[in-house]
N, C-alpha and C. Protein backbone atom coordinates (compact mmCIF):
# COMPACT_ATOMS: atom_id res chain seq x y z
N MET A 1 -2.23 4.49 -18.33
CA MET A 1 -3.30 3.78 -17.65
C MET A 1 -3.34 4.25 -16.20
N ALA A 2 -4.52 4.38 -15.66
CA ALA A 2 -4.69 4.88 -14.30
C ALA A 2 -4.40 3.79 -13.27
N ALA A 3 -3.97 4.23 -12.11
CA ALA A 3 -3.74 3.32 -10.99
C ALA A 3 -5.07 2.76 -10.51
N VAL A 4 -5.01 1.61 -9.85
CA VAL A 4 -6.23 0.97 -9.36
C VAL A 4 -6.03 0.49 -7.93
N LYS A 5 -7.11 0.56 -7.17
CA LYS A 5 -7.09 -0.01 -5.82
C LYS A 5 -7.13 -1.53 -5.93
N VAL A 6 -6.40 -2.17 -5.05
CA VAL A 6 -6.36 -3.63 -5.01
C VAL A 6 -6.90 -4.08 -3.66
N PRO A 7 -8.06 -4.75 -3.62
CA PRO A 7 -8.57 -5.24 -2.35
C PRO A 7 -7.58 -6.25 -1.75
N HIS A 8 -7.13 -5.98 -0.54
CA HIS A 8 -6.10 -6.84 0.06
C HIS A 8 -6.59 -8.27 0.22
N ASP A 9 -7.89 -8.44 0.42
CA ASP A 9 -8.41 -9.79 0.62
C ASP A 9 -8.55 -10.58 -0.68
N GLN A 10 -8.23 -9.95 -1.80
CA GLN A 10 -8.25 -10.65 -3.09
C GLN A 10 -6.87 -11.21 -3.46
N LEU A 11 -5.87 -10.88 -2.65
CA LEU A 11 -4.52 -11.39 -2.88
C LEU A 11 -4.30 -12.65 -2.05
N SER A 12 -3.48 -13.54 -2.54
CA SER A 12 -3.12 -14.71 -1.75
C SER A 12 -2.29 -14.23 -0.56
N PRO A 13 -2.25 -14.99 0.53
CA PRO A 13 -1.44 -14.58 1.68
C PRO A 13 0.02 -14.32 1.30
N ARG A 14 0.55 -15.15 0.43
CA ARG A 14 1.95 -14.98 0.02
C ARG A 14 2.15 -13.68 -0.79
N ALA A 15 1.23 -13.42 -1.71
CA ALA A 15 1.32 -12.19 -2.52
C ALA A 15 1.16 -10.96 -1.64
N LEU A 16 0.20 -11.00 -0.72
CA LEU A 16 -0.02 -9.86 0.18
C LEU A 16 1.21 -9.58 1.02
N ARG A 17 1.78 -10.62 1.57
CA ARG A 17 2.99 -10.44 2.37
C ARG A 17 4.11 -9.86 1.51
N GLY A 18 4.24 -10.33 0.28
CA GLY A 18 5.27 -9.80 -0.61
C GLY A 18 5.07 -8.32 -0.89
N VAL A 19 3.83 -7.91 -1.14
CA VAL A 19 3.53 -6.49 -1.39
C VAL A 19 3.89 -5.66 -0.17
N VAL A 20 3.48 -6.12 1.01
CA VAL A 20 3.73 -5.37 2.24
C VAL A 20 5.22 -5.30 2.54
N GLU A 21 5.92 -6.42 2.45
CA GLU A 21 7.36 -6.42 2.74
C GLU A 21 8.12 -5.56 1.75
N GLU A 22 7.76 -5.62 0.47
CA GLU A 22 8.44 -4.80 -0.52
C GLU A 22 8.23 -3.32 -0.23
N PHE A 23 7.02 -2.95 0.14
CA PHE A 23 6.73 -1.55 0.47
C PHE A 23 7.53 -1.11 1.69
N LEU A 24 7.55 -1.94 2.72
CA LEU A 24 8.23 -1.57 3.97
C LEU A 24 9.74 -1.50 3.82
N THR A 25 10.29 -2.26 2.90
CA THR A 25 11.75 -2.27 2.74
C THR A 25 12.21 -1.50 1.50
N ARG A 26 11.30 -0.84 0.84
CA ARG A 26 11.61 -0.14 -0.41
C ARG A 26 12.75 0.85 -0.26
N ASP A 27 12.76 1.61 0.82
CA ASP A 27 13.83 2.58 1.02
C ASP A 27 15.06 1.97 1.67
N GLY A 28 14.94 0.75 2.15
CA GLY A 28 16.10 0.04 2.67
C GLY A 28 16.46 0.29 4.12
N THR A 29 15.84 1.28 4.75
CA THR A 29 16.22 1.61 6.11
C THR A 29 15.00 2.04 6.91
N ASP A 30 14.99 1.66 8.18
CA ASP A 30 13.97 2.13 9.12
C ASP A 30 14.58 3.30 9.86
N TYR A 31 14.04 4.50 9.67
CA TYR A 31 14.64 5.70 10.24
C TYR A 31 14.05 6.10 11.59
N GLY A 32 13.32 5.22 12.24
CA GLY A 32 12.77 5.54 13.56
C GLY A 32 13.85 5.58 14.62
N GLU A 33 13.51 6.15 15.78
CA GLU A 33 14.48 6.21 16.88
C GLU A 33 14.84 4.82 17.37
N VAL A 34 13.84 3.94 17.38
CA VAL A 34 14.05 2.56 17.80
C VAL A 34 13.72 1.67 16.61
N GLU A 35 14.66 0.80 16.25
CA GLU A 35 14.41 -0.08 15.11
C GLU A 35 13.32 -1.08 15.46
N VAL A 36 12.33 -1.18 14.60
CA VAL A 36 11.22 -2.11 14.79
C VAL A 36 11.43 -3.28 13.84
N PRO A 37 11.37 -4.51 14.37
CA PRO A 37 11.56 -5.68 13.50
C PRO A 37 10.56 -5.69 12.34
N LEU A 38 11.01 -6.19 11.21
CA LEU A 38 10.16 -6.25 10.02
C LEU A 38 8.87 -7.01 10.31
N GLU A 39 8.96 -8.11 11.04
CA GLU A 39 7.76 -8.90 11.33
C GLU A 39 6.72 -8.08 12.08
N THR A 40 7.16 -7.23 13.00
CA THR A 40 6.25 -6.37 13.76
C THR A 40 5.61 -5.35 12.83
N ARG A 41 6.40 -4.77 11.95
CA ARG A 41 5.89 -3.77 11.01
C ARG A 41 4.89 -4.41 10.04
N VAL A 42 5.19 -5.62 9.59
CA VAL A 42 4.27 -6.33 8.70
C VAL A 42 2.94 -6.57 9.41
N ALA A 43 2.99 -7.01 10.65
CA ALA A 43 1.76 -7.25 11.42
C ALA A 43 0.95 -5.96 11.58
N GLN A 44 1.63 -4.85 11.80
CA GLN A 44 0.95 -3.56 11.94
C GLN A 44 0.24 -3.19 10.63
N VAL A 45 0.92 -3.38 9.52
CA VAL A 45 0.31 -3.05 8.23
C VAL A 45 -0.87 -3.97 7.95
N PHE A 46 -0.74 -5.26 8.25
CA PHE A 46 -1.87 -6.18 8.06
C PHE A 46 -3.08 -5.71 8.86
N ALA A 47 -2.86 -5.27 10.09
CA ALA A 47 -3.96 -4.78 10.93
C ALA A 47 -4.60 -3.54 10.30
N HIS A 48 -3.77 -2.65 9.77
CA HIS A 48 -4.30 -1.44 9.12
C HIS A 48 -5.08 -1.79 7.84
N LEU A 49 -4.60 -2.76 7.10
CA LEU A 49 -5.32 -3.20 5.90
C LEU A 49 -6.66 -3.82 6.27
N LYS A 50 -6.66 -4.66 7.28
CA LYS A 50 -7.88 -5.34 7.70
C LYS A 50 -8.92 -4.34 8.20
N SER A 51 -8.47 -3.29 8.89
CA SER A 51 -9.39 -2.29 9.42
C SER A 51 -9.84 -1.29 8.36
N GLY A 52 -9.18 -1.30 7.22
CA GLY A 52 -9.53 -0.35 6.16
C GLY A 52 -8.81 0.97 6.26
N LYS A 53 -7.93 1.11 7.23
CA LYS A 53 -7.19 2.36 7.42
C LYS A 53 -6.18 2.59 6.29
N VAL A 54 -5.69 1.50 5.71
CA VAL A 54 -4.70 1.56 4.64
C VAL A 54 -5.23 0.76 3.45
N VAL A 55 -4.95 1.25 2.23
CA VAL A 55 -5.35 0.54 1.02
C VAL A 55 -4.14 0.35 0.11
N ILE A 56 -4.23 -0.67 -0.72
CA ILE A 56 -3.17 -0.96 -1.69
C ILE A 56 -3.58 -0.37 -3.04
N VAL A 57 -2.64 0.32 -3.68
CA VAL A 57 -2.86 0.86 -5.02
C VAL A 57 -1.77 0.33 -5.93
N PHE A 58 -2.20 -0.20 -7.08
CA PHE A 58 -1.26 -0.70 -8.08
C PHE A 58 -1.16 0.32 -9.21
N ASP A 59 0.08 0.69 -9.55
CA ASP A 59 0.34 1.59 -10.66
C ASP A 59 0.86 0.76 -11.83
N PRO A 60 0.04 0.58 -12.87
CA PRO A 60 0.47 -0.27 -13.99
C PRO A 60 1.66 0.29 -14.77
N ASP A 61 1.86 1.59 -14.73
CA ASP A 61 3.00 2.17 -15.46
C ASP A 61 4.33 1.77 -14.83
N SER A 62 4.40 1.85 -13.50
CA SER A 62 5.64 1.49 -12.81
C SER A 62 5.66 0.03 -12.37
N GLN A 63 4.50 -0.64 -12.50
CA GLN A 63 4.36 -2.04 -12.08
C GLN A 63 4.66 -2.20 -10.59
N THR A 64 4.24 -1.22 -9.78
CA THR A 64 4.47 -1.29 -8.34
C THR A 64 3.17 -1.07 -7.57
N CYS A 65 3.17 -1.58 -6.36
CA CYS A 65 2.08 -1.34 -5.43
C CYS A 65 2.58 -0.37 -4.37
N THR A 66 1.68 0.50 -3.94
CA THR A 66 1.98 1.44 -2.87
C THR A 66 0.84 1.38 -1.88
N LEU A 67 1.16 1.59 -0.61
CA LEU A 67 0.15 1.62 0.43
C LEU A 67 -0.18 3.07 0.75
N PHE A 68 -1.47 3.37 0.83
CA PHE A 68 -1.93 4.72 1.12
C PHE A 68 -2.88 4.71 2.30
N ASP A 69 -2.83 5.77 3.10
CA ASP A 69 -3.84 6.00 4.11
C ASP A 69 -5.17 6.20 3.38
N ARG A 70 -6.23 5.66 3.93
CA ARG A 70 -7.53 5.74 3.25
C ARG A 70 -7.99 7.17 3.03
N ASP A 71 -7.45 8.13 3.79
CA ASP A 71 -7.86 9.52 3.65
C ASP A 71 -6.95 10.32 2.71
N ASP A 72 -6.01 9.66 2.08
CA ASP A 72 -5.10 10.36 1.16
C ASP A 72 -5.92 10.93 0.00
N PRO A 73 -5.74 12.22 -0.31
CA PRO A 73 -6.53 12.84 -1.38
C PRO A 73 -6.34 12.19 -2.75
N ARG A 74 -5.21 11.57 -2.98
CA ARG A 74 -4.99 10.91 -4.27
C ARG A 74 -5.94 9.74 -4.47
N LEU A 75 -6.36 9.11 -3.38
CA LEU A 75 -7.31 7.99 -3.50
C LEU A 75 -8.68 8.47 -3.93
N LYS A 76 -9.05 9.65 -3.50
CA LYS A 76 -10.36 10.19 -3.87
C LYS A 76 -10.45 10.35 -5.38
N GLN A 77 -9.34 10.64 -6.04
CA GLN A 77 -9.34 10.78 -7.49
C GLN A 77 -9.62 9.44 -8.18
N LEU A 78 -9.22 8.36 -7.55
CA LEU A 78 -9.49 7.04 -8.15
C LEU A 78 -10.98 6.73 -8.15
N ASP A 79 -11.70 7.32 -7.18
CA ASP A 79 -13.13 7.06 -7.04
C ASP A 79 -14.00 8.08 -7.76
N SER A 80 -13.38 9.06 -8.41
CA SER A 80 -14.16 10.11 -9.07
C SER A 80 -13.81 10.16 -10.56
N ASP A 81 -14.43 11.08 -11.23
CA ASP A 81 -14.14 11.29 -12.65
C ASP A 81 -13.04 12.32 -12.85
N ALA A 82 -12.48 12.81 -11.76
CA ALA A 82 -11.43 13.83 -11.86
C ALA A 82 -10.18 13.23 -12.50
N PRO A 83 -9.39 14.06 -13.18
CA PRO A 83 -8.13 13.56 -13.75
C PRO A 83 -7.26 12.97 -12.64
N SER A 84 -6.65 11.87 -12.93
CA SER A 84 -5.83 11.18 -11.94
C SER A 84 -4.41 11.71 -11.93
N VAL A 85 -3.81 11.75 -10.75
CA VAL A 85 -2.40 12.14 -10.65
C VAL A 85 -1.53 11.05 -11.25
N TRP A 86 -2.11 9.85 -11.51
CA TRP A 86 -1.34 8.74 -12.06
C TRP A 86 -1.49 8.61 -13.57
N ASP A 87 -2.35 9.42 -14.18
CA ASP A 87 -2.54 9.31 -15.64
C ASP A 87 -1.37 9.91 -16.38
């Protein structure tokens, strides 16, 4: 089954926060020069989602959500008839 975009405003606040926090902590470590608190990073992602700069994609095969930059070429495949990288 192909991945699907999930409109962030269709998720409950609790579900949205869970998706964002899980994505941000998925690798377990912040590798920046200066550690940024999780709350700050969550707020930044919320701002990017609200502005449309970032979109949520759900992959039914792995049962996970991933955040993508709106210009990511993989997203264009979701909007076209082209074979999906997620199929």
